[in-house]
Amino acid sequence: MEEMLGSIKFFGGNYAPKDFAFCGGQLITISENQVLYAILGSMWGGDGRSNFALPDMRGRVPIGVGRGPGRDNINMTERRGNEINALKISQLPTHSHAATFSPTTSTSSPPTATAAVKANSGTGTENSPAGNYWAIGNIVQGRDTLPVEKGYAKSADTTLAGDAVTIDIAGGSGGITGGSVTVDQTGGGDPFSIMQPSLGINYIMCTQGIFPSRN
């Protein structure tokens, strides 16, 4: 049965049968293949004056021309797809990275506190302790002054001046004073194969046969 000129089919052999040629993108002369050129023209390549090209199906699979429901439009002779691909950042799923905190520390010592009670070593001038400081009290007897006896009590009922007692605290510093956070890298960025399971076989085109009538 004679084949239709320009038709493509699979062939399991390793040679092109009579009246067929491999679809390998090769150039053939117009003068020797005028009827086939009338069908293909130079849309697959060639200069369109002395030669034209056959489709190059090496390493490729065919796909229907046009726009299917919910799909992109496919034009005649359009090449699409890759064997490998590498993801962009925008294509990565949401994920997290391992982070390591390296603290900066310093030595510490137990805190110490030193309390100092302010007083006046001279003779006092005030009778009330409120807002004042301790001083030497005297009793005036004639021309003599006598030390005050029992100048202390077992309980308090007032407050001295705000700075009458000071407390200095030393030590106790240390611990973590700084540090740095290191975020580990994830992945290597290597491209990966997106090729479907495939089987190598020859595509052949009929170069001598029945001319495909439009009617």
N, C-alpha and C. Protein backbone atom coordinates (compact mmCIF):
# COMPACT_ATOMS: atom_id res chain seq x y z
N MET A 1 0.85 -1.20 0.00
CA MET A 1 0.00 0.00 0.00
C MET A 1 0.88 1.24 0.00
N GLU A 2 0.61 2.14 -0.94
CA GLU A 2 1.40 3.34 -1.07
C GLU A 2 1.06 4.32 0.05
N GLU A 3 2.13 4.96 0.61
CA GLU A 3 1.97 5.88 1.73
C GLU A 3 1.63 7.29 1.23
N MET A 4 1.08 8.09 2.15
CA MET A 4 0.78 9.48 1.83
C MET A 4 2.04 10.31 1.96
N LEU A 5 2.33 11.11 0.96
CA LEU A 5 3.52 11.94 0.92
C LEU A 5 3.53 12.91 2.11
N GLY A 6 4.66 12.97 2.82
CA GLY A 6 4.79 13.89 3.96
C GLY A 6 4.34 13.31 5.28
N SER A 7 3.78 12.10 5.28
CA SER A 7 3.35 11.49 6.54
C SER A 7 4.56 10.99 7.32
N ILE A 8 4.43 10.99 8.65
CA ILE A 8 5.51 10.56 9.55
C ILE A 8 5.04 9.35 10.33
N LYS A 9 5.95 8.38 10.50
CA LYS A 9 5.60 7.20 11.27
C LYS A 9 6.83 6.69 12.00
N PHE A 10 6.59 5.79 12.97
CA PHE A 10 7.70 5.13 13.67
C PHE A 10 8.23 3.99 12.79
N PHE A 11 9.54 3.73 12.94
CA PHE A 11 10.13 2.59 12.25
C PHE A 11 11.16 1.95 13.19
N GLY A 12 10.99 0.64 13.42
CA GLY A 12 11.86 -0.04 14.37
C GLY A 12 13.21 -0.45 13.83
N GLY A 13 13.46 -0.27 12.53
CA GLY A 13 14.76 -0.62 11.96
C GLY A 13 15.76 0.51 12.12
N ASN A 14 17.00 0.22 11.73
CA ASN A 14 18.06 1.22 11.84
C ASN A 14 18.43 1.83 10.49
N TYR A 15 17.53 1.72 9.53
CA TYR A 15 17.73 2.34 8.23
C TYR A 15 16.38 2.90 7.77
N ALA A 16 16.43 3.82 6.81
CA ALA A 16 15.20 4.39 6.26
C ALA A 16 14.76 3.55 5.06
N PRO A 17 13.54 3.03 5.07
CA PRO A 17 13.06 2.20 3.95
C PRO A 17 12.96 3.02 2.65
N LYS A 18 12.76 2.32 1.55
CA LYS A 18 12.58 2.96 0.24
C LYS A 18 11.40 3.92 0.29
N ASP A 19 11.58 5.08 -0.33
CA ASP A 19 10.58 6.14 -0.40
C ASP A 19 10.37 6.83 0.95
N PHE A 20 11.26 6.61 1.92
CA PHE A 20 11.20 7.27 3.23
C PHE A 20 12.56 7.88 3.54
N ALA A 21 12.57 8.82 4.46
CA ALA A 21 13.82 9.43 4.95
C ALA A 21 13.68 9.66 6.45
N PHE A 22 14.82 9.56 7.15
CA PHE A 22 14.80 9.85 8.59
C PHE A 22 14.40 11.31 8.83
N CYS A 23 13.66 11.53 9.91
CA CYS A 23 13.33 12.90 10.31
C CYS A 23 14.45 13.41 11.21
N GLY A 24 15.56 13.78 10.57
CA GLY A 24 16.75 14.21 11.31
C GLY A 24 17.14 15.65 11.06
N GLY A 25 16.23 16.44 10.49
CA GLY A 25 16.53 17.85 10.24
C GLY A 25 17.46 18.08 9.06
N GLN A 26 17.69 17.04 8.24
CA GLN A 26 18.64 17.18 7.14
C GLN A 26 18.04 17.99 5.99
N LEU A 27 18.93 18.62 5.22
CA LEU A 27 18.52 19.39 4.04
C LEU A 27 18.46 18.47 2.82
N ILE A 28 17.41 18.64 2.01
CA ILE A 28 17.29 17.91 0.74
C ILE A 28 16.99 18.92 -0.36
N THR A 29 17.33 18.56 -1.60
CA THR A 29 17.19 19.51 -2.70
C THR A 29 15.74 19.62 -3.16
N ILE A 30 15.39 20.84 -3.55
CA ILE A 30 14.03 21.08 -4.05
C ILE A 30 13.86 20.42 -5.42
N SER A 31 14.90 20.48 -6.24
CA SER A 31 14.79 19.97 -7.61
C SER A 31 14.47 18.48 -7.64
N GLU A 32 14.93 17.71 -6.66
CA GLU A 32 14.69 16.27 -6.63
C GLU A 32 13.46 15.91 -5.80
N ASN A 33 12.89 16.88 -5.10
CA ASN A 33 11.74 16.59 -4.22
C ASN A 33 10.70 17.71 -4.32
N GLN A 34 10.35 18.05 -5.57
CA GLN A 34 9.46 19.19 -5.78
C GLN A 34 8.07 18.96 -5.19
N VAL A 35 7.54 17.74 -5.30
CA VAL A 35 6.19 17.47 -4.78
C VAL A 35 6.19 17.56 -3.26
N LEU A 36 7.22 17.00 -2.60
CA LEU A 36 7.30 17.09 -1.14
C LEU A 36 7.50 18.54 -0.68
N TYR A 37 8.27 19.30 -1.48
CA TYR A 37 8.47 20.71 -1.13
C TYR A 37 7.17 21.48 -1.23
N ALA A 38 6.30 21.07 -2.15
CA ALA A 38 5.00 21.74 -2.28
C ALA A 38 4.17 21.57 -1.01
N ILE A 39 4.44 20.52 -0.25
CA ILE A 39 3.71 20.28 1.00
C ILE A 39 4.41 20.95 2.19
N LEU A 40 5.73 20.78 2.30
CA LEU A 40 6.46 21.26 3.48
C LEU A 40 6.92 22.70 3.35
N GLY A 41 7.30 23.10 2.14
CA GLY A 41 7.92 24.41 2.00
C GLY A 41 9.22 24.44 2.80
N SER A 42 9.57 25.60 3.31
CA SER A 42 10.81 25.73 4.10
C SER A 42 10.51 25.97 5.58
N MET A 43 9.31 25.55 6.03
CA MET A 43 8.95 25.84 7.43
C MET A 43 9.81 25.06 8.42
N TRP A 44 10.43 23.96 7.98
CA TRP A 44 11.31 23.20 8.88
C TRP A 44 12.77 23.59 8.71
N GLY A 45 13.05 24.52 7.81
CA GLY A 45 14.41 24.99 7.58
C GLY A 45 14.77 24.96 6.12
N GLY A 46 15.98 25.39 5.79
CA GLY A 46 16.42 25.48 4.41
C GLY A 46 16.26 26.90 3.88
N ASP A 47 16.83 27.13 2.69
CA ASP A 47 16.77 28.49 2.14
C ASP A 47 15.55 28.72 1.27
N GLY A 48 14.80 27.64 0.93
CA GLY A 48 13.60 27.80 0.12
C GLY A 48 13.88 28.10 -1.33
N ARG A 49 15.14 28.10 -1.71
CA ARG A 49 15.50 28.34 -3.11
C ARG A 49 16.06 27.08 -3.76
N SER A 50 17.03 26.48 -3.08
CA SER A 50 17.62 25.26 -3.62
C SER A 50 17.41 24.06 -2.70
N ASN A 51 17.07 24.31 -1.44
CA ASN A 51 16.90 23.19 -0.52
C ASN A 51 15.84 23.51 0.54
N PHE A 52 15.44 22.49 1.23
CA PHE A 52 14.52 22.63 2.37
C PHE A 52 14.84 21.50 3.35
N ALA A 53 14.36 21.62 4.58
CA ALA A 53 14.72 20.66 5.63
C ALA A 53 13.52 19.80 6.01
N LEU A 54 13.84 18.59 6.44
CA LEU A 54 12.84 17.71 7.04
C LEU A 54 12.76 18.00 8.54
N PRO A 55 11.67 17.66 9.19
CA PRO A 55 11.57 17.88 10.64
C PRO A 55 12.68 17.12 11.37
N ASP A 56 13.18 17.72 12.44
CA ASP A 56 14.21 17.07 13.26
C ASP A 56 13.54 16.51 14.51
N MET A 57 13.29 15.21 14.51
CA MET A 57 12.61 14.56 15.63
C MET A 57 13.59 13.87 16.57
N ARG A 58 14.87 14.09 16.39
CA ARG A 58 15.87 13.45 17.25
C ARG A 58 15.72 13.97 18.69
N GLY A 59 15.50 13.03 19.60
CA GLY A 59 15.38 13.40 21.01
C GLY A 59 14.11 14.16 21.35
N ARG A 60 13.09 14.08 20.50
CA ARG A 60 11.85 14.82 20.73
C ARG A 60 10.63 13.92 20.52
N VAL A 61 9.51 14.37 21.09
CA VAL A 61 8.23 13.71 20.87
C VAL A 61 7.28 14.72 20.25
N PRO A 62 6.34 14.28 19.42
CA PRO A 62 5.40 15.22 18.80
C PRO A 62 4.32 15.67 19.79
N ILE A 63 3.75 16.82 19.52
CA ILE A 63 2.65 17.35 20.32
C ILE A 63 1.67 18.01 19.37
N GLY A 64 0.38 17.86 19.65
CA GLY A 64 -0.64 18.38 18.75
C GLY A 64 -0.64 19.90 18.66
N VAL A 65 -0.79 20.41 17.43
CA VAL A 65 -0.83 21.86 17.19
C VAL A 65 -2.19 22.41 17.60
N GLY A 66 -2.20 23.62 18.13
CA GLY A 66 -3.44 24.28 18.54
C GLY A 66 -3.49 24.50 20.04
N ARG A 67 -4.63 24.98 20.51
CA ARG A 67 -4.82 25.26 21.93
C ARG A 67 -5.87 24.31 22.50
N GLY A 68 -5.44 23.42 23.35
CA GLY A 68 -6.38 22.53 24.02
C GLY A 68 -7.03 23.24 25.20
N PRO A 69 -8.11 22.69 25.75
CA PRO A 69 -8.80 23.32 26.89
C PRO A 69 -7.84 23.51 28.07
N GLY A 70 -7.71 24.75 28.51
CA GLY A 70 -6.85 25.05 29.64
C GLY A 70 -5.37 24.94 29.36
N ARG A 71 -4.97 24.94 28.09
CA ARG A 71 -3.56 24.77 27.75
C ARG A 71 -3.08 25.90 26.86
N ASP A 72 -1.74 26.02 26.75
CA ASP A 72 -1.15 27.03 25.88
C ASP A 72 -1.32 26.63 24.42
N ASN A 73 -1.28 27.64 23.56
CA ASN A 73 -1.36 27.39 22.13
C ASN A 73 -0.03 26.85 21.62
N ILE A 74 -0.09 25.85 20.77
CA ILE A 74 1.11 25.26 20.16
C ILE A 74 1.08 25.55 18.67
N ASN A 75 2.13 26.20 18.17
CA ASN A 75 2.22 26.53 16.75
C ASN A 75 2.97 25.43 15.99
N MET A 76 2.71 25.36 14.71
CA MET A 76 3.42 24.42 13.86
C MET A 76 4.91 24.74 13.88
N THR A 77 5.76 23.75 13.99
CA THR A 77 7.23 23.81 14.05
C THR A 77 7.75 24.35 15.38
N GLU A 78 6.88 24.69 16.31
CA GLU A 78 7.34 25.27 17.59
C GLU A 78 8.05 24.21 18.44
N ARG A 79 9.20 24.59 18.97
CA ARG A 79 9.96 23.70 19.85
C ARG A 79 9.69 24.08 21.30
N ARG A 80 9.47 23.08 22.13
CA ARG A 80 9.21 23.33 23.55
C ARG A 80 9.89 22.27 24.41
N GLY A 81 10.08 22.62 25.68
CA GLY A 81 10.53 21.65 26.66
C GLY A 81 12.04 21.55 26.79
N ASN A 82 12.47 21.01 27.92
CA ASN A 82 13.87 20.77 28.23
C ASN A 82 14.03 19.39 28.85
N GLU A 83 15.23 18.86 28.75
CA GLU A 83 15.51 17.58 29.39
C GLU A 83 15.77 17.75 30.88
N ILE A 84 16.39 18.87 31.26
CA ILE A 84 16.68 19.14 32.66
C ILE A 84 16.17 20.52 33.02
N ASN A 85 16.00 20.75 34.31
CA ASN A 85 15.52 22.04 34.78
C ASN A 85 16.12 22.31 36.15
N ALA A 86 16.22 23.59 36.51
CA ALA A 86 16.68 24.00 37.84
C ALA A 86 15.64 24.95 38.41
N LEU A 87 15.22 24.70 39.64
CA LEU A 87 14.18 25.51 40.26
C LEU A 87 14.70 26.91 40.58
N LYS A 88 13.81 27.90 40.43
CA LYS A 88 14.10 29.26 40.88
C LYS A 88 13.62 29.40 42.32
N ILE A 89 14.06 30.46 42.97
CA ILE A 89 13.67 30.69 44.37
C ILE A 89 12.15 30.80 44.49
N SER A 90 11.52 31.46 43.51
CA SER A 90 10.07 31.64 43.57
C SER A 90 9.31 30.33 43.42
N GLN A 91 9.98 29.28 42.92
CA GLN A 91 9.32 27.99 42.71
C GLN A 91 9.53 27.03 43.87
N LEU A 92 10.37 27.40 44.83
CA LEU A 92 10.63 26.52 45.96
C LEU A 92 9.46 26.53 46.93
N PRO A 93 9.15 25.40 47.55
CA PRO A 93 8.11 25.39 48.59
C PRO A 93 8.60 26.12 49.83
N THR A 94 7.65 26.56 50.66
CA THR A 94 8.01 27.19 51.92
C THR A 94 8.79 26.21 52.78
N HIS A 95 9.93 26.68 53.31
CA HIS A 95 10.77 25.79 54.10
C HIS A 95 11.59 26.61 55.09
N SER A 96 12.31 25.95 55.97
CA SER A 96 13.14 26.62 56.96
C SER A 96 14.57 26.10 56.86
N HIS A 97 15.49 26.87 57.41
CA HIS A 97 16.89 26.50 57.43
C HIS A 97 17.36 26.34 58.87
N ALA A 98 18.37 25.49 59.07
CA ALA A 98 18.95 25.33 60.39
C ALA A 98 19.79 26.56 60.73
N ALA A 99 19.64 27.08 61.94
CA ALA A 99 20.38 28.25 62.39
C ALA A 99 21.16 27.91 63.65
N THR A 100 22.38 28.44 63.75
CA THR A 100 23.25 28.19 64.89
C THR A 100 23.61 29.52 65.55
N PHE A 101 23.39 29.62 66.87
CA PHE A 101 23.74 30.82 67.62
C PHE A 101 25.05 30.60 68.35
N SER A 102 26.02 31.46 68.11
CA SER A 102 27.32 31.38 68.77
C SER A 102 27.43 32.55 69.74
N PRO A 103 27.23 32.31 71.05
CA PRO A 103 27.21 33.42 72.01
C PRO A 103 28.61 33.91 72.35
N THR A 104 28.69 35.17 72.73
CA THR A 104 29.90 35.75 73.29
C THR A 104 29.68 35.91 74.78
N THR A 105 30.52 35.28 75.59
CA THR A 105 30.32 35.29 77.04
C THR A 105 31.48 35.97 77.74
N SER A 106 31.26 36.35 78.99
CA SER A 106 32.31 36.90 79.83
C SER A 106 32.22 36.25 81.20
N THR A 107 33.35 36.28 81.93
CA THR A 107 33.37 35.67 83.25
C THR A 107 32.54 36.50 84.22
N SER A 108 31.99 35.85 85.20
CA SER A 108 31.15 36.54 86.17
C SER A 108 31.62 36.19 87.57
N SER A 109 31.27 37.02 88.52
CA SER A 109 31.59 36.79 89.93
C SER A 109 30.36 37.11 90.76
N PRO A 110 30.26 36.51 91.95
CA PRO A 110 29.09 36.79 92.79
C PRO A 110 29.02 38.28 93.12
N PRO A 111 27.84 38.87 93.07
CA PRO A 111 27.74 40.30 93.40
C PRO A 111 28.01 40.55 94.87
N THR A 112 28.61 41.69 95.18
CA THR A 112 28.82 42.12 96.56
C THR A 112 28.19 43.49 96.75
N ALA A 113 27.69 43.73 97.92
CA ALA A 113 27.05 45.01 98.24
C ALA A 113 27.71 45.61 99.46
N THR A 114 28.01 46.88 99.39
CA THR A 114 28.61 47.61 100.52
C THR A 114 27.68 48.75 100.91
N ALA A 115 27.23 48.72 102.14
CA ALA A 115 26.32 49.76 102.64
C ALA A 115 27.09 50.76 103.47
N ALA A 116 26.84 52.00 103.28
CA ALA A 116 27.47 53.07 104.06
C ALA A 116 26.38 53.98 104.63
N VAL A 117 26.41 54.20 105.94
CA VAL A 117 25.46 55.09 106.60
C VAL A 117 26.13 56.44 106.81
N LYS A 118 25.56 57.46 106.23
CA LYS A 118 26.14 58.78 106.34
C LYS A 118 25.83 59.38 107.72
N ALA A 119 26.79 60.03 108.29
CA ALA A 119 26.63 60.67 109.61
C ALA A 119 27.50 61.91 109.67
N ASN A 120 27.38 62.62 110.75
CA ASN A 120 28.18 63.83 110.97
C ASN A 120 28.91 63.65 112.29
N SER A 121 30.24 63.81 112.26
CA SER A 121 31.03 63.58 113.47
C SER A 121 31.05 64.78 114.41
N GLY A 122 30.39 65.82 114.00
CA GLY A 122 30.34 67.00 114.86
C GLY A 122 29.09 67.04 115.71
N THR A 123 28.92 68.12 116.41
CA THR A 123 27.76 68.30 117.27
C THR A 123 26.54 68.57 116.42
N GLY A 124 25.46 67.90 116.73
CA GLY A 124 24.24 68.08 115.97
C GLY A 124 23.63 69.45 116.15
N THR A 125 22.88 69.87 115.14
CA THR A 125 22.22 71.17 115.20
C THR A 125 20.71 71.06 115.12
N GLU A 126 20.20 69.84 114.86
CA GLU A 126 18.77 69.63 114.71
C GLU A 126 18.28 68.69 115.78
N ASN A 127 17.02 68.89 116.16
CA ASN A 127 16.43 68.02 117.17
C ASN A 127 15.71 66.83 116.55
N SER A 128 15.19 66.99 115.33
CA SER A 128 14.43 65.92 114.69
C SER A 128 15.33 65.14 113.74
N PRO A 129 15.23 63.80 113.75
CA PRO A 129 16.04 63.02 112.80
C PRO A 129 15.47 63.03 111.38
N ALA A 130 14.21 63.46 111.22
CA ALA A 130 13.58 63.41 109.90
C ALA A 130 14.32 64.30 108.91
N GLY A 131 14.80 63.70 107.83
CA GLY A 131 15.49 64.45 106.79
C GLY A 131 16.88 64.90 107.17
N ASN A 132 17.43 64.38 108.26
CA ASN A 132 18.74 64.80 108.74
C ASN A 132 19.67 63.62 108.85
N TYR A 133 20.85 63.84 109.41
CA TYR A 133 21.86 62.81 109.57
C TYR A 133 22.21 62.66 111.04
N TRP A 134 22.72 61.49 111.38
CA TRP A 134 23.18 61.28 112.75
C TRP A 134 24.35 62.21 113.06
N ALA A 135 24.36 62.70 114.28
CA ALA A 135 25.46 63.57 114.75
C ALA A 135 25.63 63.36 116.26
N ILE A 136 26.57 64.08 116.86
CA ILE A 136 26.80 63.97 118.30
C ILE A 136 25.85 64.93 119.01
N GLY A 137 25.05 64.35 119.88
CA GLY A 137 24.13 65.18 120.65
C GLY A 137 24.69 65.50 122.03
N ASN A 138 24.37 66.64 122.57
CA ASN A 138 24.87 67.06 123.89
C ASN A 138 23.74 67.67 124.71
N ILE A 139 23.94 67.64 125.95
CA ILE A 139 23.03 68.32 126.88
C ILE A 139 23.79 69.50 127.47
N VAL A 140 23.23 70.65 127.34
CA VAL A 140 23.86 71.85 127.88
C VAL A 140 23.46 71.99 129.35
N GLN A 141 24.45 72.03 130.22
CA GLN A 141 24.19 72.21 131.66
C GLN A 141 25.11 73.33 132.14
N GLY A 142 24.50 74.46 132.26
CA GLY A 142 25.30 75.64 132.60
C GLY A 142 26.22 75.96 131.44
N ARG A 143 27.51 76.00 131.81
CA ARG A 143 28.50 76.24 130.76
C ARG A 143 29.07 74.95 130.19
N ASP A 144 28.62 73.84 130.69
CA ASP A 144 29.16 72.56 130.24
C ASP A 144 28.17 71.85 129.32
N THR A 145 28.70 71.03 128.48
CA THR A 145 27.88 70.16 127.63
C THR A 145 28.20 68.74 127.97
N LEU A 146 27.15 67.94 128.08
CA LEU A 146 27.31 66.55 128.46
C LEU A 146 26.83 65.65 127.31
N PRO A 147 27.49 64.51 127.11
CA PRO A 147 27.03 63.59 126.06
C PRO A 147 25.61 63.10 126.35
N VAL A 148 24.86 62.87 125.26
CA VAL A 148 23.49 62.37 125.39
C VAL A 148 23.54 60.88 125.68
N GLU A 149 22.84 60.49 126.66
CA GLU A 149 22.74 59.07 126.96
C GLU A 149 21.52 58.49 126.25
N LYS A 150 21.59 57.21 125.98
CA LYS A 150 20.49 56.50 125.32
C LYS A 150 20.04 57.23 124.05
N GLY A 151 20.99 57.44 123.17
CA GLY A 151 20.69 58.12 121.91
C GLY A 151 20.19 57.19 120.81
N TYR A 152 19.89 55.93 121.15
CA TYR A 152 19.43 54.94 120.17
C TYR A 152 18.15 54.28 120.68
N ALA A 153 17.34 53.78 119.75
CA ALA A 153 16.10 53.09 120.11
C ALA A 153 16.08 51.73 119.43
N LYS A 154 15.23 50.83 119.95
CA LYS A 154 15.11 49.49 119.39
C LYS A 154 14.15 49.41 118.21
N SER A 155 13.45 50.48 117.94
CA SER A 155 12.54 50.52 116.79
C SER A 155 12.66 51.86 116.11
N ALA A 156 12.25 51.90 114.82
CA ALA A 156 12.32 53.14 114.04
C ALA A 156 10.92 53.69 113.83
N ASP A 157 10.81 55.02 113.79
CA ASP A 157 9.51 55.63 113.54
C ASP A 157 9.60 56.80 112.57
N THR A 158 10.75 56.95 111.91
CA THR A 158 10.89 58.03 110.94
C THR A 158 11.95 57.65 109.92
N THR A 159 12.18 58.50 108.96
CA THR A 159 13.13 58.23 107.88
C THR A 159 14.16 59.33 107.82
N LEU A 160 15.43 58.94 107.67
CA LEU A 160 16.49 59.92 107.53
C LEU A 160 16.46 60.52 106.12
N ALA A 161 17.41 61.34 105.83
CA ALA A 161 17.51 61.94 104.49
C ALA A 161 17.65 60.85 103.43
N GLY A 162 17.22 61.16 102.21
CA GLY A 162 17.22 60.17 101.15
C GLY A 162 18.58 59.60 100.84
N ASP A 163 19.62 60.37 101.04
CA ASP A 163 20.97 59.87 100.77
C ASP A 163 21.74 59.57 102.04
N ALA A 164 21.02 59.38 103.15
CA ALA A 164 21.70 59.08 104.41
C ALA A 164 22.38 57.73 104.37
N VAL A 165 21.84 56.80 103.61
CA VAL A 165 22.43 55.48 103.47
C VAL A 165 22.68 55.22 101.98
N THR A 166 23.89 54.83 101.63
CA THR A 166 24.22 54.48 100.25
C THR A 166 24.68 53.03 100.20
N ILE A 167 24.36 52.34 99.09
CA ILE A 167 24.75 50.94 98.91
C ILE A 167 25.43 50.81 97.56
N ASP A 168 26.66 50.35 97.56
CA ASP A 168 27.41 50.11 96.33
C ASP A 168 27.42 48.61 96.04
N ILE A 169 27.02 48.24 94.82
CA ILE A 169 26.99 46.84 94.40
C ILE A 169 28.09 46.62 93.38
N ALA A 170 28.90 45.61 93.59
CA ALA A 170 30.00 45.28 92.68
C ALA A 170 29.92 43.82 92.29
N GLY A 171 30.49 43.51 91.10
CA GLY A 171 30.50 42.13 90.65
C GLY A 171 29.15 41.73 90.09
N GLY A 172 29.01 40.45 89.81
CA GLY A 172 27.74 39.94 89.30
C GLY A 172 27.55 40.12 87.81
N SER A 173 28.51 40.76 87.14
CA SER A 173 28.37 40.93 85.70
C SER A 173 28.80 39.66 84.98
N GLY A 174 28.61 39.60 83.69
CA GLY A 174 29.00 38.42 82.92
C GLY A 174 27.82 37.84 82.18
N GLY A 175 27.93 36.57 81.82
CA GLY A 175 26.88 35.92 81.05
C GLY A 175 27.07 36.19 79.57
N ILE A 176 25.98 36.21 78.82
CA ILE A 176 26.02 36.41 77.37
C ILE A 176 25.99 37.90 77.09
N THR A 177 27.01 38.40 76.44
CA THR A 177 27.10 39.82 76.11
C THR A 177 26.90 40.11 74.63
N GLY A 178 26.79 39.09 73.81
CA GLY A 178 26.60 39.28 72.37
C GLY A 178 26.65 37.93 71.68
N GLY A 179 26.90 37.96 70.40
CA GLY A 179 26.99 36.71 69.65
C GLY A 179 26.62 36.90 68.20
N SER A 180 26.58 35.83 67.47
CA SER A 180 26.23 35.87 66.06
C SER A 180 25.38 34.66 65.70
N VAL A 181 24.51 34.84 64.71
CA VAL A 181 23.64 33.77 64.23
C VAL A 181 24.08 33.38 62.83
N THR A 182 24.33 32.11 62.63
CA THR A 182 24.72 31.59 61.32
C THR A 182 23.59 30.72 60.77
N VAL A 183 23.08 31.07 59.57
CA VAL A 183 22.02 30.30 58.92
C VAL A 183 22.66 29.37 57.90
N ASP A 184 22.46 28.08 58.07
CA ASP A 184 23.07 27.09 57.19
C ASP A 184 22.41 27.10 55.82
N GLN A 185 23.21 26.84 54.79
CA GLN A 185 22.67 26.72 53.44
C GLN A 185 22.04 25.34 53.26
N THR A 186 21.01 25.31 52.43
CA THR A 186 20.32 24.05 52.13
C THR A 186 20.26 23.87 50.62
N GLY A 187 20.60 22.69 50.15
CA GLY A 187 20.51 22.40 48.72
C GLY A 187 21.79 22.75 47.98
N GLY A 188 21.91 22.17 46.78
CA GLY A 188 23.10 22.40 45.98
C GLY A 188 22.84 23.12 44.68
N GLY A 189 21.57 23.29 44.30
CA GLY A 189 21.25 24.00 43.07
C GLY A 189 21.49 23.21 41.80
N ASP A 190 21.69 21.89 41.92
CA ASP A 190 21.93 21.08 40.72
C ASP A 190 20.64 20.93 39.91
N PRO A 191 20.73 21.03 38.57
CA PRO A 191 19.55 20.77 37.74
C PRO A 191 19.14 19.30 37.83
N PHE A 192 17.88 19.04 37.56
CA PHE A 192 17.37 17.68 37.65
C PHE A 192 16.60 17.33 36.38
N SER A 193 16.50 16.04 36.10
CA SER A 193 15.85 15.58 34.88
C SER A 193 14.33 15.68 35.00
N ILE A 194 13.70 16.17 33.94
CA ILE A 194 12.24 16.21 33.88
C ILE A 194 11.75 15.41 32.66
N MET A 195 12.61 14.55 32.16
CA MET A 195 12.24 13.76 30.98
C MET A 195 11.32 12.61 31.38
N GLN A 196 10.28 12.43 30.59
CA GLN A 196 9.37 11.32 30.81
C GLN A 196 10.05 10.00 30.44
N PRO A 197 9.56 8.88 30.95
CA PRO A 197 10.11 7.59 30.52
C PRO A 197 10.01 7.45 28.99
N SER A 198 11.11 7.13 28.36
CA SER A 198 11.17 7.18 26.89
C SER A 198 11.85 5.94 26.33
N LEU A 199 11.67 5.76 25.03
CA LEU A 199 12.29 4.66 24.30
C LEU A 199 12.73 5.18 22.94
N GLY A 200 14.02 5.04 22.63
CA GLY A 200 14.53 5.55 21.37
C GLY A 200 14.04 4.73 20.18
N ILE A 201 13.51 5.42 19.16
CA ILE A 201 13.04 4.77 17.94
C ILE A 201 13.11 5.79 16.81
N ASN A 202 13.18 5.34 15.58
CA ASN A 202 13.32 6.24 14.45
C ASN A 202 11.97 6.79 13.98
N TYR A 203 11.98 8.10 13.68
CA TYR A 203 10.86 8.71 12.96
C TYR A 203 11.26 8.78 11.49
N ILE A 204 10.37 8.36 10.62
CA ILE A 204 10.64 8.43 9.18
C ILE A 204 9.49 9.15 8.49
N MET A 205 9.82 9.87 7.39
CA MET A 205 8.82 10.60 6.61
C MET A 205 8.77 10.03 5.20
N CYS A 206 7.55 9.93 4.69
CA CYS A 206 7.37 9.46 3.31
C CYS A 206 7.76 10.58 2.34
N THR A 207 8.73 10.31 1.49
CA THR A 207 9.20 11.30 0.52
C THR A 207 8.71 11.02 -0.91
N GLN A 208 8.20 9.81 -1.14
CA GLN A 208 7.64 9.44 -2.44
C GLN A 208 6.36 8.67 -2.16
N GLY A 209 5.21 9.22 -2.61
CA GLY A 209 3.96 8.54 -2.34
C GLY A 209 2.78 9.30 -2.91
N ILE A 210 1.63 9.08 -2.32
CA ILE A 210 0.40 9.71 -2.79
C ILE A 210 0.36 11.15 -2.30
N PHE A 211 0.06 12.08 -3.21
CA PHE A 211 -0.05 13.48 -2.81
C PHE A 211 -1.33 13.67 -2.00
N PRO A 212 -1.25 14.27 -0.81
CA PRO A 212 -2.44 14.45 0.04
C PRO A 212 -3.36 15.54 -0.51
N SER A 213 -4.46 15.14 -1.08
CA SER A 213 -5.41 16.11 -1.64
C SER A 213 -6.15 16.83 -0.52
N ARG A 214 -6.47 18.09 -0.72
CA ARG A 214 -7.23 18.86 0.26
C ARG A 214 -8.72 18.52 0.22
N ASN A 215 -9.18 17.90 -0.85
CA ASN A 215 -10.60 17.58 -0.99
C ASN A 215 -10.81 16.07 -0.91
